[in-house]
Amino acid sequence: MPVTADGRYTIDFLGPYDWPLLFNAWDQASQWSGQVGNRHLARAVKVNAGATTTFDFRFRPAVAVTVKVRGVPAGIDSIVALNAITGDFMGGAGGLPGDSVTMGLVGPQLVKLLITPRDGEQRWVGGDDFLDAQPFWIPASGSRTITVDY
């Protein structure tokens, strides 16, 4: 959704219900209304039919998450972080040479990681698919380094 210079946005396709809202910005960690990483814990925004609803939102500072991958022969194309409960995309990094990437994620939350190497197939960390993949705890603040084997 387009956001104006003063931070205003309009969503004109929601029905009259309580909605969690996902906020994304290129320089911020994706997060749901209420500054959380899990939509089930988000602050719902009540939308009334034919009326304007105001919701003030400020991004919570991101946790710097560095993922180091051992055993990637030609480097990493991308790493994607999905919320371990909902499966929602919460962040990622890509196009970087080498065996590590750093991304900003909002914490606290559990994430699962999907690695795409430059010359191989995608792999879930710790499992064969999303359900079996290993969850990683992202703290509320600070930083986190995760080291995994490809």
N, C-alpha and C. Protein backbone atom coordinates (compact mmCIF):
# COMPACT_ATOMS: atom_id res chain seq x y z
N MET A 1 0.84 -1.16 0.00
CA MET A 1 0.00 0.00 0.00
C MET A 1 0.89 1.23 0.00
N PRO A 2 0.53 2.24 -0.76
CA PRO A 2 1.34 3.46 -0.79
C PRO A 2 1.25 4.24 0.51
N VAL A 3 2.38 4.77 0.93
CA VAL A 3 2.44 5.56 2.16
C VAL A 3 2.93 6.95 1.78
N THR A 4 2.24 7.97 2.25
CA THR A 4 2.63 9.35 1.94
C THR A 4 3.84 9.74 2.77
N ALA A 5 4.42 10.90 2.44
CA ALA A 5 5.62 11.37 3.14
C ALA A 5 5.38 11.55 4.64
N ASP A 6 4.16 11.87 5.04
CA ASP A 6 3.88 12.06 6.47
C ASP A 6 3.43 10.76 7.14
N GLY A 7 3.52 9.63 6.42
CA GLY A 7 3.24 8.33 7.01
C GLY A 7 1.79 7.89 6.91
N ARG A 8 0.97 8.58 6.15
CA ARG A 8 -0.43 8.19 6.01
C ARG A 8 -0.59 7.16 4.90
N TYR A 9 -1.53 6.28 5.10
CA TYR A 9 -1.82 5.25 4.11
C TYR A 9 -3.32 5.01 4.08
N THR A 10 -3.81 4.48 2.98
CA THR A 10 -5.22 4.18 2.84
C THR A 10 -5.37 2.74 2.36
N ILE A 11 -6.22 2.01 3.06
CA ILE A 11 -6.58 0.66 2.64
C ILE A 11 -8.09 0.70 2.39
N ASP A 12 -8.49 0.48 1.15
CA ASP A 12 -9.91 0.62 0.83
C ASP A 12 -10.58 -0.68 0.42
N PHE A 13 -9.98 -1.80 0.80
CA PHE A 13 -10.55 -3.08 0.37
C PHE A 13 -10.86 -4.02 1.54
N LEU A 14 -10.93 -3.50 2.76
CA LEU A 14 -11.22 -4.34 3.92
C LEU A 14 -12.70 -4.25 4.31
N GLY A 15 -13.25 -5.36 4.69
CA GLY A 15 -14.62 -5.39 5.18
C GLY A 15 -14.70 -4.93 6.62
N PRO A 16 -15.89 -4.77 7.14
CA PRO A 16 -16.08 -4.25 8.51
C PRO A 16 -15.80 -5.31 9.58
N TYR A 17 -14.52 -5.52 9.84
CA TYR A 17 -14.10 -6.52 10.82
C TYR A 17 -12.92 -5.97 11.60
N ASP A 18 -12.37 -6.78 12.49
CA ASP A 18 -11.11 -6.48 13.16
C ASP A 18 -10.00 -7.14 12.35
N TRP A 19 -8.98 -6.36 11.95
CA TRP A 19 -7.94 -6.86 11.07
C TRP A 19 -6.55 -6.69 11.68
N PRO A 20 -5.69 -7.70 11.57
CA PRO A 20 -4.27 -7.45 11.83
C PRO A 20 -3.68 -6.83 10.57
N LEU A 21 -2.80 -5.87 10.72
CA LEU A 21 -2.18 -5.21 9.57
C LEU A 21 -0.68 -5.51 9.56
N LEU A 22 -0.15 -5.87 8.39
CA LEU A 22 1.28 -6.14 8.24
C LEU A 22 1.93 -4.91 7.63
N PHE A 23 2.99 -4.41 8.29
CA PHE A 23 3.71 -3.24 7.82
C PHE A 23 5.08 -3.65 7.30
N ASN A 24 5.41 -3.17 6.11
CA ASN A 24 6.71 -3.43 5.48
C ASN A 24 7.30 -2.11 5.00
N ALA A 25 8.58 -1.95 5.16
CA ALA A 25 9.31 -0.82 4.59
C ALA A 25 10.70 -1.33 4.26
N TRP A 26 11.29 -0.82 3.21
CA TRP A 26 12.57 -1.37 2.74
C TRP A 26 13.66 -1.28 3.79
N ASP A 27 13.57 -0.32 4.71
CA ASP A 27 14.63 -0.15 5.71
C ASP A 27 14.20 -0.55 7.12
N GLN A 28 13.11 -1.30 7.23
CA GLN A 28 12.59 -1.71 8.53
C GLN A 28 12.27 -3.20 8.53
N ALA A 29 12.18 -3.79 9.71
CA ALA A 29 11.78 -5.18 9.83
C ALA A 29 10.27 -5.28 9.65
N SER A 30 9.80 -6.25 8.86
CA SER A 30 8.36 -6.47 8.70
C SER A 30 7.76 -6.78 10.06
N GLN A 31 6.57 -6.21 10.31
CA GLN A 31 5.92 -6.46 11.59
C GLN A 31 4.43 -6.16 11.50
N TRP A 32 3.71 -6.87 12.33
CA TRP A 32 2.27 -6.73 12.39
C TRP A 32 1.88 -5.61 13.33
N SER A 33 0.66 -5.12 13.17
CA SER A 33 0.14 -4.08 14.07
C SER A 33 0.32 -4.56 15.51
N GLY A 34 0.84 -3.69 16.33
CA GLY A 34 1.21 -4.07 17.69
C GLY A 34 2.70 -4.36 17.79
N GLN A 35 3.43 -4.19 16.68
CA GLN A 35 4.89 -4.35 16.63
C GLN A 35 5.33 -5.77 16.96
N VAL A 36 4.65 -6.77 16.41
CA VAL A 36 4.97 -8.16 16.67
C VAL A 36 5.24 -8.91 15.37
N GLY A 37 5.84 -10.09 15.50
CA GLY A 37 6.18 -10.90 14.35
C GLY A 37 5.20 -12.03 14.08
N ASN A 38 4.13 -12.11 14.82
CA ASN A 38 3.15 -13.18 14.67
C ASN A 38 1.77 -12.56 14.53
N ARG A 39 1.10 -12.82 13.41
CA ARG A 39 -0.20 -12.16 13.18
C ARG A 39 -1.25 -12.56 14.20
N HIS A 40 -1.10 -13.74 14.81
CA HIS A 40 -2.06 -14.16 15.83
C HIS A 40 -1.91 -13.35 17.13
N LEU A 41 -0.79 -12.69 17.30
CA LEU A 41 -0.54 -11.85 18.47
C LEU A 41 -0.69 -10.36 18.13
N ALA A 42 -1.02 -10.06 16.88
CA ALA A 42 -1.11 -8.67 16.43
C ALA A 42 -2.28 -7.95 17.09
N ARG A 43 -2.14 -6.66 17.17
CA ARG A 43 -3.24 -5.83 17.64
C ARG A 43 -4.21 -5.66 16.48
N ALA A 44 -5.43 -6.11 16.66
CA ALA A 44 -6.43 -6.01 15.60
C ALA A 44 -6.93 -4.57 15.49
N VAL A 45 -7.16 -4.14 14.26
CA VAL A 45 -7.64 -2.80 13.99
C VAL A 45 -9.09 -2.92 13.53
N LYS A 46 -10.00 -2.30 14.26
CA LYS A 46 -11.42 -2.39 13.93
C LYS A 46 -11.74 -1.46 12.76
N VAL A 47 -12.32 -2.03 11.72
CA VAL A 47 -12.71 -1.27 10.54
C VAL A 47 -14.24 -1.22 10.51
N ASN A 48 -14.79 -0.04 10.38
CA ASN A 48 -16.24 0.14 10.30
C ASN A 48 -16.63 0.45 8.86
N ALA A 49 -17.73 -0.11 8.41
CA ALA A 49 -18.19 0.10 7.03
C ALA A 49 -18.47 1.58 6.79
N GLY A 50 -17.95 2.10 5.68
CA GLY A 50 -18.21 3.47 5.27
C GLY A 50 -17.58 4.53 6.14
N ALA A 51 -16.64 4.16 6.99
CA ALA A 51 -16.01 5.12 7.91
C ALA A 51 -14.50 5.07 7.77
N THR A 52 -13.85 6.07 8.32
CA THR A 52 -12.40 6.11 8.34
C THR A 52 -11.91 5.66 9.70
N THR A 53 -10.93 4.78 9.69
CA THR A 53 -10.31 4.30 10.93
C THR A 53 -8.88 4.79 10.96
N THR A 54 -8.45 5.30 12.09
CA THR A 54 -7.08 5.76 12.25
C THR A 54 -6.31 4.75 13.09
N PHE A 55 -5.12 4.41 12.62
CA PHE A 55 -4.23 3.54 13.39
C PHE A 55 -2.83 4.10 13.29
N ASP A 56 -2.29 4.55 14.41
CA ASP A 56 -0.93 5.09 14.43
C ASP A 56 0.04 3.94 14.63
N PHE A 57 1.06 3.90 13.79
CA PHE A 57 2.02 2.81 13.85
C PHE A 57 3.43 3.36 13.75
N ARG A 58 4.30 2.84 14.58
CA ARG A 58 5.74 3.12 14.49
C ARG A 58 6.45 1.78 14.48
N PHE A 59 7.44 1.68 13.62
CA PHE A 59 8.20 0.43 13.55
C PHE A 59 9.03 0.22 14.81
N ARG A 60 9.02 -1.00 15.29
CA ARG A 60 9.89 -1.40 16.39
C ARG A 60 11.28 -1.64 15.79
N PRO A 61 12.35 -1.27 16.48
CA PRO A 61 13.69 -1.50 15.94
C PRO A 61 13.94 -2.99 15.67
N ALA A 62 14.64 -3.24 14.60
CA ALA A 62 14.93 -4.61 14.19
C ALA A 62 16.05 -5.21 15.03
N VAL A 63 16.01 -6.52 15.14
CA VAL A 63 17.10 -7.31 15.69
C VAL A 63 17.99 -7.70 14.50
N ALA A 64 19.27 -7.45 14.59
CA ALA A 64 20.19 -7.84 13.51
C ALA A 64 20.45 -9.33 13.63
N VAL A 65 19.97 -10.08 12.65
CA VAL A 65 20.13 -11.53 12.65
C VAL A 65 21.10 -11.91 11.55
N THR A 66 22.24 -12.50 11.95
CA THR A 66 23.23 -12.97 10.99
C THR A 66 23.12 -14.49 10.91
N VAL A 67 22.97 -14.99 9.70
CA VAL A 67 22.90 -16.43 9.47
C VAL A 67 24.17 -16.83 8.74
N LYS A 68 24.96 -17.71 9.38
CA LYS A 68 26.19 -18.25 8.78
C LYS A 68 25.91 -19.69 8.37
N VAL A 69 26.20 -20.00 7.12
CA VAL A 69 25.90 -21.33 6.59
C VAL A 69 27.21 -22.01 6.23
N ARG A 70 27.49 -23.13 6.91
CA ARG A 70 28.70 -23.90 6.63
C ARG A 70 28.41 -24.91 5.51
N GLY A 71 29.35 -25.05 4.59
CA GLY A 71 29.24 -26.07 3.56
C GLY A 71 28.49 -25.66 2.30
N VAL A 72 28.39 -24.35 2.04
CA VAL A 72 27.78 -23.89 0.79
C VAL A 72 28.91 -23.67 -0.21
N PRO A 73 28.97 -24.48 -1.27
CA PRO A 73 30.12 -24.42 -2.17
C PRO A 73 30.29 -23.11 -2.93
N ALA A 74 29.21 -22.49 -3.38
CA ALA A 74 29.35 -21.30 -4.22
C ALA A 74 28.71 -20.07 -3.63
N GLY A 75 28.38 -20.09 -2.37
CA GLY A 75 27.77 -18.94 -1.72
C GLY A 75 26.25 -19.03 -1.68
N ILE A 76 25.68 -18.04 -1.03
CA ILE A 76 24.24 -18.02 -0.80
C ILE A 76 23.57 -17.04 -1.75
N ASP A 77 22.50 -17.47 -2.39
CA ASP A 77 21.70 -16.57 -3.21
C ASP A 77 20.72 -15.81 -2.32
N SER A 78 20.05 -16.54 -1.40
CA SER A 78 19.14 -15.87 -0.49
C SER A 78 18.84 -16.74 0.73
N ILE A 79 18.43 -16.07 1.79
CA ILE A 79 17.90 -16.74 2.98
C ILE A 79 16.61 -16.01 3.34
N VAL A 80 15.56 -16.79 3.54
CA VAL A 80 14.25 -16.23 3.87
C VAL A 80 13.88 -16.70 5.28
N ALA A 81 13.33 -15.79 6.07
CA ALA A 81 12.85 -16.10 7.42
C ALA A 81 11.33 -16.05 7.43
N LEU A 82 10.72 -17.16 7.83
CA LEU A 82 9.27 -17.23 7.94
C LEU A 82 8.89 -17.43 9.40
N ASN A 83 7.82 -16.78 9.84
CA ASN A 83 7.36 -16.99 11.20
C ASN A 83 7.06 -18.47 11.38
N ALA A 84 7.58 -19.08 12.43
CA ALA A 84 7.48 -20.53 12.63
C ALA A 84 6.06 -20.99 12.94
N ILE A 85 5.20 -20.10 13.40
CA ILE A 85 3.83 -20.46 13.74
C ILE A 85 2.89 -20.26 12.55
N THR A 86 2.99 -19.10 11.90
CA THR A 86 2.05 -18.74 10.84
C THR A 86 2.55 -19.04 9.43
N GLY A 87 3.88 -19.11 9.26
CA GLY A 87 4.45 -19.28 7.93
C GLY A 87 4.56 -17.97 7.16
N ASP A 88 4.22 -16.85 7.79
CA ASP A 88 4.29 -15.55 7.11
C ASP A 88 5.74 -15.15 6.88
N PHE A 89 5.99 -14.55 5.71
CA PHE A 89 7.31 -14.01 5.39
C PHE A 89 7.59 -12.84 6.33
N MET A 90 8.72 -12.91 7.05
CA MET A 90 9.06 -11.86 7.99
C MET A 90 10.36 -11.14 7.64
N GLY A 91 11.11 -11.67 6.69
CA GLY A 91 12.33 -10.99 6.28
C GLY A 91 13.21 -11.92 5.48
N GLY A 92 14.25 -11.33 4.95
CA GLY A 92 15.19 -12.12 4.18
C GLY A 92 16.31 -11.25 3.67
N ALA A 93 17.28 -11.89 3.09
CA ALA A 93 18.42 -11.20 2.49
C ALA A 93 18.90 -12.03 1.33
N GLY A 94 19.41 -11.37 0.32
CA GLY A 94 19.86 -12.13 -0.84
C GLY A 94 20.85 -11.39 -1.68
N GLY A 95 21.35 -12.11 -2.67
CA GLY A 95 22.28 -11.54 -3.61
C GLY A 95 23.63 -11.19 -3.01
N LEU A 96 24.00 -11.87 -1.95
CA LEU A 96 25.25 -11.55 -1.28
C LEU A 96 26.26 -12.66 -1.47
N PRO A 97 27.50 -12.33 -1.74
CA PRO A 97 28.52 -13.37 -1.87
C PRO A 97 28.88 -13.93 -0.50
N GLY A 98 29.42 -15.12 -0.52
CA GLY A 98 29.91 -15.68 0.73
C GLY A 98 28.94 -16.63 1.38
N ASP A 99 29.19 -16.89 2.67
CA ASP A 99 28.42 -17.91 3.37
C ASP A 99 27.61 -17.36 4.53
N SER A 100 27.39 -16.04 4.56
CA SER A 100 26.56 -15.48 5.63
C SER A 100 25.78 -14.28 5.11
N VAL A 101 24.64 -14.05 5.73
CA VAL A 101 23.82 -12.88 5.42
C VAL A 101 23.30 -12.31 6.74
N THR A 102 23.02 -11.02 6.73
CA THR A 102 22.43 -10.37 7.89
C THR A 102 21.14 -9.70 7.46
N MET A 103 20.10 -9.90 8.27
CA MET A 103 18.79 -9.31 7.99
C MET A 103 18.23 -8.74 9.28
N GLY A 104 17.29 -7.85 9.14
CA GLY A 104 16.60 -7.30 10.30
C GLY A 104 15.27 -8.00 10.49
N LEU A 105 15.02 -8.49 11.70
CA LEU A 105 13.76 -9.13 12.04
C LEU A 105 13.23 -8.52 13.33
N VAL A 106 11.92 -8.46 13.48
CA VAL A 106 11.34 -7.99 14.72
C VAL A 106 11.28 -9.17 15.69
N GLY A 107 11.60 -8.91 16.93
CA GLY A 107 11.52 -9.95 17.94
C GLY A 107 10.59 -9.49 19.05
N PRO A 108 10.21 -10.33 19.93
CA PRO A 108 10.55 -11.75 19.94
C PRO A 108 9.62 -12.55 19.02
N GLN A 109 10.19 -13.56 18.40
CA GLN A 109 9.44 -14.49 17.59
C GLN A 109 10.31 -15.70 17.26
N LEU A 110 9.65 -16.77 16.84
CA LEU A 110 10.33 -17.96 16.31
C LEU A 110 10.27 -17.90 14.80
N VAL A 111 11.39 -18.19 14.13
CA VAL A 111 11.41 -18.22 12.67
C VAL A 111 11.99 -19.54 12.18
N LYS A 112 11.64 -19.88 10.95
CA LYS A 112 12.25 -21.00 10.24
C LYS A 112 12.92 -20.41 9.01
N LEU A 113 14.03 -21.02 8.60
CA LEU A 113 14.87 -20.47 7.55
C LEU A 113 14.88 -21.36 6.31
N LEU A 114 14.76 -20.71 5.16
CA LEU A 114 14.85 -21.38 3.86
C LEU A 114 16.06 -20.81 3.14
N ILE A 115 17.02 -21.68 2.81
CA ILE A 115 18.27 -21.26 2.18
C ILE A 115 18.23 -21.61 0.71
N THR A 116 18.60 -20.64 -0.14
CA THR A 116 18.78 -20.90 -1.57
C THR A 116 20.24 -20.60 -1.90
N PRO A 117 21.04 -21.64 -2.18
CA PRO A 117 22.44 -21.41 -2.54
C PRO A 117 22.53 -20.98 -4.01
N ARG A 118 23.68 -20.48 -4.40
CA ARG A 118 23.87 -20.04 -5.79
C ARG A 118 23.82 -21.20 -6.78
N ASP A 119 24.24 -22.38 -6.37
CA ASP A 119 24.33 -23.48 -7.35
C ASP A 119 23.65 -24.77 -6.86
N GLY A 120 22.60 -24.65 -6.09
CA GLY A 120 21.95 -25.84 -5.59
C GLY A 120 20.47 -25.61 -5.35
N GLU A 121 19.84 -26.58 -4.75
CA GLU A 121 18.41 -26.46 -4.51
C GLU A 121 18.13 -25.88 -3.13
N GLN A 122 16.95 -25.30 -2.99
CA GLN A 122 16.56 -24.73 -1.71
C GLN A 122 16.52 -25.81 -0.65
N ARG A 123 16.87 -25.41 0.56
CA ARG A 123 16.81 -26.33 1.69
C ARG A 123 16.28 -25.61 2.92
N TRP A 124 15.40 -26.30 3.63
CA TRP A 124 14.96 -25.82 4.93
C TRP A 124 16.02 -26.20 5.95
N VAL A 125 16.30 -25.33 6.88
CA VAL A 125 17.28 -25.63 7.91
C VAL A 125 16.65 -26.58 8.93
N GLY A 126 17.26 -27.76 9.05
CA GLY A 126 16.83 -28.72 10.05
C GLY A 126 15.66 -29.61 9.69
N GLY A 127 15.25 -29.60 8.43
CA GLY A 127 14.12 -30.45 8.05
C GLY A 127 13.92 -30.49 6.55
N ASP A 128 13.00 -31.34 6.12
CA ASP A 128 12.72 -31.49 4.70
C ASP A 128 11.68 -30.52 4.17
N ASP A 129 10.91 -29.91 5.06
CA ASP A 129 9.87 -28.96 4.65
C ASP A 129 9.61 -27.99 5.80
N PHE A 130 8.67 -27.08 5.58
CA PHE A 130 8.40 -26.07 6.60
C PHE A 130 8.02 -26.68 7.94
N LEU A 131 7.17 -27.69 7.91
CA LEU A 131 6.70 -28.29 9.17
C LEU A 131 7.83 -28.91 9.97
N ASP A 132 8.79 -29.52 9.28
CA ASP A 132 9.89 -30.21 9.96
C ASP A 132 11.11 -29.32 10.24
N ALA A 133 11.15 -28.13 9.65
CA ALA A 133 12.32 -27.27 9.81
C ALA A 133 12.51 -26.86 11.26
N GLN A 134 13.74 -26.57 11.61
CA GLN A 134 14.10 -26.17 12.97
C GLN A 134 13.71 -24.72 13.22
N PRO A 135 13.01 -24.43 14.33
CA PRO A 135 12.71 -23.04 14.66
C PRO A 135 13.88 -22.38 15.39
N PHE A 136 14.05 -21.09 15.17
CA PHE A 136 15.10 -20.31 15.83
C PHE A 136 14.46 -19.13 16.54
N TRP A 137 14.87 -18.91 17.79
CA TRP A 137 14.34 -17.83 18.60
C TRP A 137 15.03 -16.52 18.24
N ILE A 138 14.23 -15.51 17.97
CA ILE A 138 14.74 -14.16 17.74
C ILE A 138 14.38 -13.34 18.97
N PRO A 139 15.35 -12.78 19.67
CA PRO A 139 15.07 -12.04 20.90
C PRO A 139 14.37 -10.70 20.61
N ALA A 140 13.90 -10.05 21.65
CA ALA A 140 13.18 -8.79 21.51
C ALA A 140 14.08 -7.64 21.07
N SER A 141 15.36 -7.73 21.38
CA SER A 141 16.28 -6.64 21.01
C SER A 141 17.69 -7.21 20.88
N GLY A 142 18.58 -6.36 20.39
CA GLY A 142 19.98 -6.76 20.27
C GLY A 142 20.27 -7.41 18.93
N SER A 143 21.00 -8.52 19.00
CA SER A 143 21.38 -9.22 17.78
C SER A 143 21.38 -10.72 18.04
N ARG A 144 21.45 -11.48 16.96
CA ARG A 144 21.47 -12.94 17.07
C ARG A 144 22.27 -13.48 15.91
N THR A 145 23.18 -14.40 16.19
CA THR A 145 23.92 -15.10 15.15
C THR A 145 23.48 -16.56 15.16
N ILE A 146 23.13 -17.06 14.00
CA ILE A 146 22.70 -18.44 13.84
C ILE A 146 23.67 -19.11 12.89
N THR A 147 24.30 -20.18 13.32
CA THR A 147 25.22 -20.93 12.46
C THR A 147 24.60 -22.29 12.16
N VAL A 148 24.50 -22.62 10.87
CA VAL A 148 23.87 -23.86 10.44
C VAL A 148 24.73 -24.55 9.40
N ASP A 149 24.49 -25.84 9.23
CA ASP A 149 25.15 -26.61 8.17
C ASP A 149 24.22 -26.74 6.99
N TYR A 150 24.78 -26.56 5.79
CA TYR A 150 24.01 -26.77 4.58
C TYR A 150 24.02 -28.24 4.26
